[in-house]
Amino acid sequence: MLSLLGLLGGLALLIVLTIRGTNLFIAAPLCALIVALTSSIPVFVGDSNFVTLYMQGFAGFIASWFFMFLLGALFGKFMQDCGAADAVSHWIVGKLGRQNAVIAVILACAILTYGGVSLFVVAFSVYPMAVSLFKDANLPRRFIPAVLAFGSVTFTMTSAGSPEIQNWIPIKFLGTSPFAAWEVSLVVALFMATFGYWWCKRMINAAVANGECFEHQAHDPVIVERKLPHPITGIVPLLVVLVLSFLLHDSLQQLALIVALGGGVLVLVAINYRYFLNIQEAINVGTTGALVAIGNTAAVVGFGSIAKSTDAFQTAVELMTQIPGSPLIGAAIAISVIAGMTGSASGGQAIVLPLIAPHYIDQGVDPEELHRIVAISSGALDSLPHNGYVVTTIRAICHETHQRAYWAVGALTVVVPLLGLSLAVALFSVF
């Protein structure tokens, strides 16, 4: 009982501290320490002490995903510095019109995310355009984080074919491909995109009706007037990432994403080199952004490593894998809950899949169906306030507070994916 109370209390405190603005590098270890102490995990003594367990989770995640985060960050920063991201964004705006600011930002994020740009850095690339569009349309800027997140971490991040790591981690444990169960994935993605956009517009329209409008900030990005490359030069590198990931996933598995992103970076530099403003600065900023993004996520994964070492966690996993009915429901609940505890879709998958994948495969569950359920369910409760992406997007990129911005983010990145997950389970059960 004490272990369970400590686990729930530590998670609740982590969420509260995050909402109050505490740095994740401080909040996550502190809350993990509370979980350890209430579960009789020694702080320094023995092989399985708090420091060792926390750092195993922290360092293990970085060791597994550093190159993906690095290349994704460089790809996103290069897209921004050479103007390719702006060119693609302006092309979308030109087709849709500035009056459709919300859908323009969502589509820009979706194209970049599904094209291989790490979701952690998509927001950096699209944020300047989002500010400009929201300013022109006089929309409340507190909704910018929600719009960026919805376009990045919902219907694109966990869909079949996505190069994002949340769609690739299951491959290692299930022997599937990134295109697993693409038919159901397509239906669910269309549902999430349509319903989420309707809800997003409804929230924004309600705020405007209440008198909210755009608010200027001193640190708003300045859009530099410059000659931009042709939009096709931004689309070709995205296609390179998709094609390479498709061709190499059978032979290289997870490592195919490194080759795909690396190829995208090289092609992007080759065809847009003369448009770069300062490639050295882009490298420096991109690598720093990668370290911040992976560090925030790893800090929460460290918390998850302590949590999974507790008796309460092991009991919870056992109970969730024994839920009666469809095994996919049990898998969906298990992944959702643990991703919520760790505050990370990728971190939650990395922790839970080694425990539950053999269990469900032995039960005869279709690996492709399980892959898609794992991917979609990991992208729901993971977006609670302490999630690394949520913290980075709201605070570091958009300069907002959780109190102002999170509730719209939670609606679009927690509730909508949960509805999509329910639809996926229902479709697999019927067909």
Protein backbone atom coordinates (compact mmCIF):
# COMPACT_ATOMS: atom_id res chain seq x y z
CA MET A 1 0.00 0.00 0.00
CA LEU A 2 2.81 2.42 0.88
CA SER A 3 4.49 1.64 -2.45
CA LEU A 4 1.27 2.39 -4.33
CA LEU A 5 0.71 5.64 -2.44
CA GLY A 6 4.30 6.69 -3.10
CA LEU A 7 3.98 5.89 -6.80
CA LEU A 8 0.74 7.82 -7.22
CA GLY A 9 1.95 10.64 -4.97
CA GLY A 10 5.22 10.98 -6.86
CA LEU A 11 3.41 11.13 -10.19
CA ALA A 12 0.90 13.67 -8.89
CA LEU A 13 3.70 15.83 -7.50
CA LEU A 14 5.58 15.64 -10.81
CA ILE A 15 2.48 16.91 -12.63
CA VAL A 16 1.93 19.71 -10.11
CA LEU A 17 5.57 20.83 -10.21
CA THR A 18 5.51 20.83 -13.99
CA ILE A 19 2.37 22.97 -14.09
CA ARG A 20 4.02 25.37 -11.64
CA GLY A 21 7.03 25.72 -13.94
CA THR A 22 9.69 23.61 -12.22
CA ASN A 23 12.55 22.41 -14.43
CA LEU A 24 12.15 18.73 -15.37
CA PHE A 25 15.81 18.02 -14.60
CA ILE A 26 14.98 18.90 -10.98
CA ALA A 27 11.35 17.80 -10.72
CA ALA A 28 11.73 14.30 -12.23
CA PRO A 29 14.61 13.07 -9.99
CA LEU A 30 13.00 14.62 -6.91
CA CYS A 31 9.68 12.87 -7.51
CA ALA A 32 11.48 9.65 -8.41
CA LEU A 33 13.29 9.83 -5.07
CA ILE A 34 9.94 9.98 -3.25
CA VAL A 35 8.79 6.90 -5.15
CA ALA A 36 12.03 5.09 -4.27
CA LEU A 37 11.89 5.92 -0.57
CA THR A 38 8.28 4.75 -0.22
CA SER A 39 9.16 1.48 -1.99
CA SER A 40 12.23 0.69 0.13
CA ILE A 41 14.64 1.23 -2.75
CA PRO A 42 18.00 2.25 -1.24
CA VAL A 43 19.39 5.59 -2.34
CA PHE A 44 23.07 4.70 -2.62
CA VAL A 45 23.65 1.17 -1.29
CA GLY A 46 23.51 -1.99 -3.40
CA ASP A 47 23.38 -2.69 -7.11
CA SER A 48 19.74 -1.66 -7.49
CA ASN A 49 19.91 1.68 -5.71
CA PHE A 50 18.06 4.86 -6.66
CA VAL A 51 20.98 6.57 -8.40
CA THR A 52 21.86 3.51 -10.49
CA LEU A 53 18.28 2.75 -11.52
CA TYR A 54 17.47 6.35 -12.39
CA MET A 55 20.61 6.82 -14.46
CA GLN A 56 20.14 3.49 -16.23
CA GLY A 57 16.80 4.72 -17.50
CA PHE A 58 18.11 8.20 -18.25
CA ALA A 59 21.29 7.13 -20.02
CA GLY A 60 19.71 4.09 -21.68
CA PHE A 61 17.11 6.20 -23.44
CA ILE A 62 19.76 8.64 -24.67
CA ALA A 63 21.98 5.77 -25.85
CA SER A 64 19.12 4.24 -27.84
CA TRP A 65 17.69 7.40 -29.43
CA PHE A 66 20.41 10.07 -29.45
CA PHE A 67 21.16 9.88 -33.18
CA MET A 68 17.47 9.98 -34.10
CA PHE A 69 16.93 13.09 -31.99
CA LEU A 70 20.14 14.69 -33.28
CA LEU A 71 19.44 14.09 -36.96
CA GLY A 72 15.78 15.05 -36.52
CA ALA A 73 16.77 18.31 -34.83
CA LEU A 74 19.36 19.11 -37.51
CA PHE A 75 16.83 18.30 -40.24
CA GLY A 76 14.28 20.63 -38.69
CA LYS A 77 16.77 23.44 -38.08
CA PHE A 78 18.21 23.15 -41.59
CA MET A 79 14.68 23.28 -43.02
CA GLN A 80 14.19 26.51 -41.09
CA ASP A 81 17.56 28.13 -41.79
CA CYS A 82 17.56 27.57 -45.55
CA GLY A 83 13.95 28.72 -45.80
CA ALA A 84 12.59 25.37 -47.01
CA ALA A 85 10.18 25.13 -44.07
CA ASP A 86 8.93 28.65 -44.75
CA ALA A 87 8.59 27.87 -48.44
CA VAL A 88 6.46 24.79 -47.71
CA SER A 89 4.43 26.72 -45.13
CA HIS A 90 3.85 29.68 -47.45
CA TRP A 91 2.81 27.30 -50.21
CA ILE A 92 0.21 25.79 -47.87
CA VAL A 93 -0.98 29.26 -46.82
CA GLY A 94 -1.17 30.34 -50.45
CA LYS A 95 -3.45 27.43 -51.22
CA LEU A 96 -5.64 27.84 -48.15
CA GLY A 97 -5.56 31.59 -47.46
CA ARG A 98 -4.59 33.40 -44.26
CA GLN A 99 -8.16 33.29 -43.01
CA ASN A 100 -7.61 29.56 -42.49
CA ALA A 101 -4.76 30.12 -40.05
CA VAL A 102 -5.51 27.13 -37.83
CA ILE A 103 -5.72 24.51 -40.56
CA ALA A 104 -2.61 26.00 -42.23
CA VAL A 105 -0.53 25.54 -39.05
CA ILE A 106 -1.91 22.04 -38.48
CA LEU A 107 -1.10 20.96 -42.04
CA ALA A 108 2.41 22.45 -41.88
CA CYS A 109 3.12 20.51 -38.68
CA ALA A 110 1.57 17.34 -40.08
CA ILE A 111 3.59 17.43 -43.31
CA LEU A 112 6.86 18.07 -41.49
CA THR A 113 6.16 15.41 -38.84
CA TYR A 114 5.10 12.73 -41.30
CA GLY A 115 8.00 13.75 -43.51
CA GLY A 116 10.50 12.78 -40.83
CA VAL A 117 11.24 15.97 -38.91
CA SER A 118 11.38 15.04 -35.23
CA LEU A 119 8.17 16.16 -33.54
CA PHE A 120 10.34 17.74 -30.85
CA VAL A 121 11.62 20.28 -33.35
CA VAL A 122 8.66 20.69 -35.71
CA ALA A 123 7.25 23.32 -33.37
CA PHE A 124 10.48 25.33 -33.60
CA SER A 125 10.12 25.46 -37.39
CA VAL A 126 6.40 26.25 -37.58
CA TYR A 127 6.08 28.58 -34.56
CA PRO A 128 7.18 31.77 -36.41
CA MET A 129 4.59 31.14 -39.12
CA ALA A 130 1.95 30.34 -36.49
CA VAL A 131 2.54 33.64 -34.70
CA SER A 132 2.27 35.54 -37.99
CA LEU A 133 -0.96 33.79 -38.99
CA PHE A 134 -2.59 34.12 -35.56
CA LYS A 135 -1.62 37.80 -35.51
CA ASP A 136 -3.17 38.44 -38.93
CA ALA A 137 -6.33 36.54 -37.96
CA ASN A 138 -6.39 38.18 -34.48
CA LEU A 139 -6.73 34.81 -32.72
CA PRO A 140 -5.76 34.20 -29.05
CA ARG A 141 -2.12 33.16 -28.97
CA ARG A 142 -2.65 30.84 -26.00
CA PHE A 143 -4.01 28.30 -28.49
CA ILE A 144 -0.80 28.18 -30.55
CA PRO A 145 0.75 25.35 -28.43
CA ALA A 146 -2.42 23.27 -28.83
CA VAL A 147 -2.48 23.76 -32.60
CA LEU A 148 1.22 22.92 -32.93
CA ALA A 149 0.84 19.84 -30.74
CA PHE A 150 -2.29 18.62 -32.50
CA GLY A 151 -0.59 18.78 -35.89
CA SER A 152 2.52 17.02 -34.58
CA VAL A 153 1.75 14.39 -31.93
CA THR A 154 -1.69 12.98 -32.75
CA PHE A 155 -2.84 11.72 -36.14
CA THR A 156 0.65 11.83 -37.69
CA MET A 157 2.97 10.68 -34.90
CA THR A 158 1.39 7.26 -34.36
CA SER A 159 0.06 6.53 -37.86
CA ALA A 160 1.27 3.79 -40.18
CA GLY A 161 4.35 4.84 -42.14
CA SER A 162 5.30 7.62 -39.77
CA PRO A 163 9.09 7.94 -39.33
CA GLU A 164 8.61 9.15 -35.74
CA ILE A 165 10.16 6.88 -33.10
CA GLN A 166 6.77 6.24 -31.49
CA ASN A 167 5.90 4.20 -34.60
CA TRP A 168 9.27 2.46 -34.73
CA ILE A 169 9.90 1.26 -31.18
CA PRO A 170 7.36 -1.62 -31.49
CA ILE A 171 9.24 -3.01 -34.51
CA LYS A 172 12.09 -4.17 -32.28
CA PHE A 173 9.77 -6.17 -30.01
CA LEU A 174 7.09 -7.36 -32.45
CA GLY A 175 9.01 -7.94 -35.69
CA THR A 176 6.59 -5.77 -37.64
CA SER A 177 7.05 -2.85 -40.04
CA PRO A 178 6.25 0.86 -39.66
CA PHE A 179 3.26 0.28 -41.96
CA ALA A 180 1.64 -2.27 -39.65
CA ALA A 181 -2.18 -2.38 -39.86
CA TRP A 182 -2.23 0.62 -42.19
CA GLU A 183 -5.91 0.22 -43.10
CA VAL A 184 -7.18 0.74 -39.55
CA SER A 185 -4.48 3.35 -38.96
CA LEU A 186 -5.78 5.39 -41.91
CA VAL A 187 -9.36 5.36 -40.61
CA VAL A 188 -8.27 6.35 -37.09
CA ALA A 189 -5.99 9.11 -38.38
CA LEU A 190 -8.77 10.60 -40.49
CA PHE A 191 -11.12 10.51 -37.49
CA MET A 192 -8.62 12.17 -35.15
CA ALA A 193 -7.74 14.84 -37.73
CA THR A 194 -11.37 15.68 -38.49
CA PHE A 195 -12.77 15.59 -34.96
CA GLY A 196 -9.73 17.30 -33.45
CA TYR A 197 -9.84 20.14 -35.95
CA TRP A 198 -13.58 20.68 -35.30
CA TRP A 199 -13.00 20.77 -31.54
CA CYS A 200 -9.99 23.07 -31.89
CA LYS A 201 -11.96 25.57 -33.99
CA ARG A 202 -14.85 25.42 -31.54
CA MET A 203 -12.58 26.27 -28.59
CA ILE A 204 -10.93 29.14 -30.43
CA ASN A 205 -14.24 30.54 -31.68
CA ALA A 206 -15.63 30.42 -28.14
CA ALA A 207 -12.61 32.34 -26.84
CA VAL A 208 -12.95 34.97 -29.59
CA ALA A 209 -16.65 35.33 -28.79
CA ASN A 210 -15.65 36.03 -25.18
CA GLY A 211 -13.49 38.93 -26.32
CA GLU A 212 -10.06 37.26 -26.47
CA CYS A 213 -7.68 38.42 -29.20
CA PHE A 214 -4.03 38.24 -30.21
CA GLU A 215 -1.55 39.55 -27.64
CA HIS A 216 1.86 40.81 -28.71
CA GLN A 217 5.00 39.74 -26.84
CA ALA A 218 8.43 41.33 -26.85
CA HIS A 219 10.12 38.08 -27.93
CA ASP A 220 7.86 37.36 -30.90
CA PRO A 221 10.00 36.05 -33.79
CA VAL A 222 10.87 38.48 -36.54
CA ILE A 223 10.12 37.16 -40.01
CA VAL A 224 13.11 38.10 -42.18
CA GLU A 225 12.27 39.14 -45.74
CA ARG A 226 14.37 36.91 -47.94
CA LYS A 227 14.35 34.95 -51.16
CA LEU A 228 12.99 31.51 -50.42
CA PRO A 229 13.75 28.31 -52.31
CA HIS A 230 11.05 26.60 -54.33
CA PRO A 231 8.68 24.56 -52.13
CA ILE A 232 9.70 21.40 -53.97
CA THR A 233 13.19 21.72 -52.43
CA GLY A 234 11.56 21.30 -49.03
CA ILE A 235 9.33 18.44 -50.11
CA VAL A 236 12.04 16.33 -51.81
CA PRO A 237 14.09 15.78 -48.60
CA LEU A 238 10.89 14.76 -46.81
CA LEU A 239 10.23 12.19 -49.53
CA VAL A 240 13.81 10.93 -49.21
CA VAL A 241 13.22 10.25 -45.51
CA LEU A 242 9.99 8.39 -46.22
CA VAL A 243 11.40 6.33 -49.10
CA LEU A 244 14.59 5.32 -47.27
CA SER A 245 12.69 4.35 -44.14
CA PHE A 246 10.33 2.23 -46.26
CA LEU A 247 13.12 0.50 -48.21
CA LEU A 248 15.42 -0.21 -45.27
CA HIS A 249 13.11 -1.01 -42.37
CA ASP A 250 13.19 -4.78 -43.06
CA SER A 251 16.98 -5.01 -43.08
CA LEU A 252 17.95 -2.36 -40.54
CA GLN A 253 14.85 -2.20 -38.34
CA GLN A 254 15.13 0.75 -35.95
CA LEU A 255 18.48 1.84 -37.38
CA ALA A 256 16.81 2.55 -40.74
CA LEU A 257 15.54 5.80 -39.24
CA ILE A 258 19.13 7.00 -38.74
CA VAL A 259 19.93 6.32 -42.40
CA ALA A 260 16.65 7.90 -43.55
CA LEU A 261 17.08 11.09 -41.52
CA GLY A 262 20.76 11.28 -42.43
CA GLY A 263 19.87 10.98 -46.11
CA GLY A 264 17.23 13.68 -45.73
CA VAL A 265 19.75 16.03 -44.12
CA LEU A 266 22.33 15.49 -46.87
CA VAL A 267 19.81 15.98 -49.68
CA LEU A 268 18.43 19.09 -47.99
CA VAL A 269 21.90 20.64 -47.71
CA ALA A 270 22.85 19.66 -51.25
CA ILE A 271 19.86 21.25 -52.99
CA ASN A 272 19.45 24.28 -50.72
CA TYR A 273 23.02 25.13 -49.73
CA ARG A 274 23.01 28.61 -51.29
CA TYR A 275 19.88 29.57 -49.34
CA PHE A 276 21.36 28.96 -45.87
CA LEU A 277 21.69 32.08 -43.72
CA ASN A 278 24.26 30.61 -41.30
CA ILE A 279 24.72 26.85 -41.50
CA GLN A 280 27.20 26.76 -38.62
CA GLU A 281 24.74 28.51 -36.31
CA ALA A 282 22.00 26.16 -37.52
CA ILE A 283 24.17 23.20 -36.53
CA ASN A 284 24.87 24.68 -33.10
CA VAL A 285 21.23 25.54 -32.41
CA GLY A 286 20.01 22.21 -33.79
CA THR A 287 22.34 20.13 -31.66
CA THR A 288 21.46 22.15 -28.56
CA GLY A 289 17.77 21.68 -29.30
CA ALA A 290 18.32 17.94 -29.66
CA LEU A 291 20.03 17.76 -26.27
CA VAL A 292 17.25 19.73 -24.56
CA ALA A 293 14.53 17.61 -26.17
CA ILE A 294 16.12 14.24 -25.44
CA GLY A 295 17.22 15.42 -21.97
CA ASN A 296 13.69 16.42 -20.98
CA THR A 297 12.37 13.08 -22.18
CA ALA A 298 15.17 11.08 -20.58
CA ALA A 299 14.61 12.84 -17.24
CA VAL A 300 11.02 11.57 -17.20
CA VAL A 301 12.11 8.12 -18.45
CA GLY A 302 14.42 8.02 -15.42
CA PHE A 303 11.35 8.59 -13.25
CA GLY A 304 9.69 5.72 -15.10
CA SER A 305 12.68 3.46 -14.43
CA ILE A 306 12.28 4.00 -10.70
CA ALA A 307 8.52 3.54 -10.97
CA LYS A 308 8.84 0.22 -12.80
CA SER A 309 11.17 -1.08 -10.07
CA THR A 310 8.47 -0.76 -7.42
CA ASP A 311 6.20 -3.57 -6.25
CA ALA A 312 3.15 -1.40 -6.99
CA PHE A 313 4.18 -1.02 -10.64
CA GLN A 314 4.76 -4.73 -11.17
CA THR A 315 1.39 -5.51 -9.60
CA ALA A 316 -0.31 -2.91 -11.80
CA VAL A 317 1.22 -4.36 -14.99
CA GLU A 318 0.16 -7.88 -14.02
CA LEU A 319 -3.39 -6.74 -13.35
CA MET A 320 -3.60 -4.84 -16.64
CA THR A 321 -2.34 -7.79 -18.69
CA GLN A 322 -5.02 -9.99 -17.09
CA ILE A 323 -7.97 -7.74 -17.96
CA PRO A 324 -10.74 -9.97 -19.33
CA GLY A 325 -11.92 -9.54 -22.89
CA SER A 326 -9.87 -8.60 -25.92
CA PRO A 327 -6.10 -8.70 -25.28
CA LEU A 328 -5.84 -5.48 -27.30
CA ILE A 329 -7.85 -3.69 -24.61
CA GLY A 330 -5.41 -4.84 -21.95
CA ALA A 331 -2.46 -3.76 -24.07
CA ALA A 332 -4.07 -0.37 -24.75
CA ILE A 333 -4.70 0.25 -21.05
CA ALA A 334 -1.23 -0.92 -20.03
CA ILE A 335 0.60 1.26 -22.55
CA SER A 336 -1.64 4.29 -21.91
CA VAL A 337 -1.24 4.15 -18.14
CA ILE A 338 2.53 3.63 -18.18
CA ALA A 339 3.05 6.30 -20.85
CA GLY A 340 1.03 8.59 -18.59
CA MET A 341 3.16 7.69 -15.57
CA THR A 342 6.40 8.29 -17.44
CA GLY A 343 5.09 11.32 -19.33
CA SER A 344 6.56 9.96 -22.54
CA ALA A 345 5.09 7.94 -25.41
CA SER A 346 8.48 6.63 -26.49
CA GLY A 347 9.69 6.17 -22.92
CA GLY A 348 6.50 4.37 -21.95
CA GLN A 349 6.85 1.99 -24.89
CA ALA A 350 10.50 1.31 -24.10
CA ILE A 351 9.59 0.40 -20.51
CA VAL A 352 6.42 -1.63 -21.07
CA LEU A 353 6.96 -3.48 -24.37
CA PRO A 354 9.68 -5.81 -23.05
CA LEU A 355 7.23 -6.84 -20.31
CA ILE A 356 4.00 -7.24 -22.26
CA ALA A 357 5.01 -8.06 -25.85
CA PRO A 358 5.96 -11.72 -25.15
CA HIS A 359 2.80 -12.15 -23.05
CA TYR A 360 0.44 -11.06 -25.82
CA ILE A 361 2.35 -12.73 -28.66
CA ASP A 362 2.15 -16.02 -26.74
CA GLN A 363 -1.61 -15.49 -26.53
CA GLY A 364 -1.77 -15.36 -30.33
CA VAL A 365 -2.40 -11.64 -30.72
CA ASP A 366 -1.71 -10.42 -34.27
CA PRO A 367 1.63 -8.52 -34.05
CA GLU A 368 0.49 -5.90 -36.58
CA GLU A 369 -2.68 -5.15 -34.64
CA LEU A 370 -0.71 -5.00 -31.40
CA HIS A 371 1.84 -2.66 -33.03
CA ARG A 372 -0.84 -0.18 -34.04
CA ILE A 373 -2.62 -0.32 -30.68
CA VAL A 374 0.68 0.22 -28.86
CA ALA A 375 1.57 3.20 -31.06
CA ILE A 376 -1.81 4.92 -30.78
CA SER A 377 -2.25 4.26 -27.05
CA SER A 378 1.23 5.59 -26.28
CA GLY A 379 0.20 8.95 -27.75
CA ALA A 380 -2.72 9.60 -25.39
CA LEU A 381 -2.03 9.87 -21.66
CA ASP A 382 1.62 10.59 -22.41
CA SER A 383 0.63 14.23 -23.04
CA LEU A 384 -0.16 14.98 -19.41
CA PRO A 385 1.37 18.25 -18.13
CA HIS A 386 4.77 16.74 -17.25
CA ASN A 387 5.44 15.42 -20.76
CA GLY A 388 8.76 16.69 -22.11
CA TYR A 389 7.33 17.75 -25.47
CA VAL A 390 4.44 19.58 -23.80
CA VAL A 391 6.78 21.43 -21.44
CA THR A 392 9.17 22.38 -24.25
CA THR A 393 6.41 23.56 -26.60
CA ILE A 394 4.41 25.56 -24.05
CA ARG A 395 7.32 27.15 -22.19
CA ALA A 396 10.46 27.19 -24.31
CA ILE A 397 8.93 27.74 -27.74
CA CYS A 398 5.65 29.56 -27.22
CA HIS A 399 6.57 31.36 -23.97
CA GLU A 400 3.20 30.50 -22.45
CA THR A 401 2.20 29.01 -19.10
CA HIS A 402 0.51 25.72 -18.39
CA GLN A 403 -2.35 27.58 -16.71
CA ARG A 404 -3.18 29.45 -19.93
CA ALA A 405 -2.29 26.94 -22.60
CA TYR A 406 -2.42 23.37 -21.30
CA TRP A 407 -6.16 22.73 -21.18
CA ALA A 408 -6.52 23.11 -24.94
CA VAL A 409 -3.38 21.00 -25.40
CA GLY A 410 -4.82 18.29 -23.17
CA ALA A 411 -8.13 18.25 -25.03
CA LEU A 412 -6.46 17.76 -28.42
CA THR A 413 -3.57 15.50 -27.43
CA VAL A 414 -5.12 13.38 -24.68
CA VAL A 415 -8.88 13.18 -25.26
CA VAL A 416 -8.79 12.99 -29.06
CA PRO A 417 -6.17 10.17 -29.17
CA LEU A 418 -8.13 8.25 -26.50
CA LEU A 419 -11.19 8.40 -28.75
CA GLY A 420 -9.04 7.30 -31.70
CA LEU A 421 -7.69 4.42 -29.61
CA SER A 422 -11.23 3.29 -28.79
CA LEU A 423 -12.08 3.37 -32.50
CA ALA A 424 -8.99 1.29 -33.36
CA VAL A 425 -9.84 -1.38 -30.77
CA ALA A 426 -13.41 -1.50 -32.06
CA LEU A 427 -12.30 -1.86 -35.69
CA PHE A 428 -9.84 -4.65 -34.87
CA SER A 429 -12.52 -6.42 -32.84
CA VAL A 430 -15.01 -6.28 -35.72
CA PHE A 431 -12.67 -7.08 -38.59
